[in-house]
Amino acid sequence: MPNIISRIGMLAMLVLLTNVGLGQDMMSDEPVQMADGLRSNGKIYVVVAVVVTIVAGVVVYLINLDRRISRLEKGGK
């Protein structure tokens, strides 16, 4: 049974690796159309603001979590 599971896992890994390799595309000289469209409409700033907000939220969460864990390690509330 473990031999079958390891073979299935190896097969899945190889399939995923080949899909990643096929997904790569050669760089062309054409500009990225989506970025140009967002920039021309001014929506690129909305995208940047959302990404910055998400990253800031994750950082604040991790800092808060670190403080709670430190407090638990010391033994107090």
Protein backbone atom coordinates (compact mmCIF):
# COMPACT_ATOMS: atom_id res chain seq x y z
CA MET A 1 0.00 0.00 0.00
CA PRO A 2 2.74 2.58 0.83
CA ASN A 3 4.44 1.69 -2.46
CA ILE A 4 1.29 2.58 -4.41
CA ILE A 5 0.89 5.84 -2.52
CA SER A 6 4.50 6.82 -3.17
CA ARG A 7 4.13 6.03 -6.88
CA ILE A 8 0.94 8.10 -7.13
CA GLY A 9 2.66 10.96 -5.30
CA MET A 10 5.65 10.80 -7.62
CA LEU A 11 3.40 10.75 -10.66
CA ALA A 12 1.43 13.75 -9.42
CA MET A 13 4.65 15.66 -8.75
CA LEU A 14 5.99 14.92 -12.23
CA VAL A 15 2.72 15.97 -13.86
CA LEU A 16 2.72 19.25 -11.93
CA LEU A 17 6.35 19.93 -12.83
CA THR A 18 5.69 19.39 -16.51
CA ASN A 19 2.69 21.71 -16.35
CA VAL A 20 4.84 24.43 -14.81
CA GLY A 21 7.39 23.97 -17.59
CA LEU A 22 4.74 24.19 -20.28
CA GLY A 23 3.27 27.31 -18.73
CA GLN A 24 6.43 29.31 -19.33
CA ASP A 25 6.41 31.51 -22.39
CA MET A 26 9.23 33.22 -24.17
CA MET A 27 9.42 36.93 -23.52
CA SER A 28 8.05 38.84 -26.42
CA ASP A 29 8.61 42.45 -27.35
CA GLU A 30 4.92 43.23 -26.87
CA PRO A 31 3.99 45.26 -23.79
CA VAL A 32 1.65 43.75 -21.24
CA GLN A 33 -1.81 44.82 -22.34
CA MET A 34 -3.52 44.39 -18.98
CA ALA A 35 -1.06 46.68 -17.18
CA ASP A 36 -1.35 49.31 -19.91
CA GLY A 37 -5.13 49.19 -19.74
CA LEU A 38 -5.17 49.53 -15.98
CA ARG A 39 -2.63 52.34 -16.08
CA SER A 40 -4.52 54.27 -18.73
CA ASN A 41 -7.77 54.06 -16.77
CA GLY A 42 -6.09 54.94 -13.48
CA LYS A 43 -7.17 51.63 -11.94
CA ILE A 44 -3.60 50.47 -11.39
CA TYR A 45 -3.57 52.59 -8.23
CA VAL A 46 -6.58 50.69 -6.92
CA VAL A 47 -4.77 47.40 -7.52
CA VAL A 48 -1.64 48.69 -5.77
CA ALA A 49 -3.72 49.98 -2.83
CA VAL A 50 -5.45 46.61 -2.41
CA VAL A 51 -2.14 44.73 -2.50
CA VAL A 52 -0.55 47.12 0.01
CA THR A 53 -3.58 46.81 2.30
CA ILE A 54 -3.44 43.01 2.23
CA VAL A 55 0.32 42.93 2.90
CA ALA A 56 -0.04 45.46 5.74
CA GLY A 57 -2.85 43.39 7.26
CA VAL A 58 -0.73 40.24 7.18
CA VAL A 59 2.21 42.06 8.79
CA VAL A 60 0.01 43.50 11.56
CA TYR A 61 -1.52 40.08 12.16
CA LEU A 62 1.91 38.44 12.44
CA ILE A 63 3.17 41.10 14.85
CA ASN A 64 0.05 40.68 16.99
CA LEU A 65 0.44 36.89 16.92
CA ASP A 66 4.10 37.17 17.93
CA ARG A 67 3.19 39.35 20.92
CA ARG A 68 0.52 36.89 22.06
CA ILE A 69 2.89 33.94 21.77
CA SER A 70 5.59 35.83 23.68
CA ARG A 71 3.07 36.61 26.41
CA LEU A 72 2.05 32.95 26.63
CA GLU A 73 5.68 31.85 26.82
CA LYS A 74 6.27 34.17 29.77
CA GLY A 75 3.31 32.61 31.54
CA GLY A 76 1.22 35.70 32.06
CA LYS A 77 -1.83 37.21 30.43
